[in-house]
């Protein structure tokens, strides 16, 4: 059985239990993990160290989780039992990754003020001005709960 035949069978296996987009994502991640390996006899010639080295190059947790799950589902599909050392190494690699965080945007008060000034509805404008005043007074930690914030603005609106 050639590599692409094996991967097609793996994709069919994934489609039985996952949505098509998830199955496609796992398929692509596994193809990336198997780059540079010839897999005709999967269980005998699979170089797990090479796969773990590729997993070690992944920096962010969400991507690592995708690659890891693709590999674990492949092992389940082929009936490959991973050793405890291998599982421990995967856990160590996972703890070495970090969350991908977006950079926070700074608030331009003049732009925010201009946007609020352009609102035509007087009650809605008043509610946004009230929220802005609460924020500027420094009691924003108390009002940061978004549902409460919306209830406050809707209360002022109606």
Foldseek 3Di string as FASTA:
>chain_A
DWPVVLLVVLLVVVVVPDPNVLSVLLSVLVVVLCPPFTPPPPQPGDDLVSSLVVLLVDAALVSSVSNVVSVVSSCVVVVNDDDPVSVVSSVVSNVNHYHDDDDDDDDDVVVVVVVLVPDPQPQLSVLSVVVVVCVVVPVVVVVVPVVSSVVSSVVSND
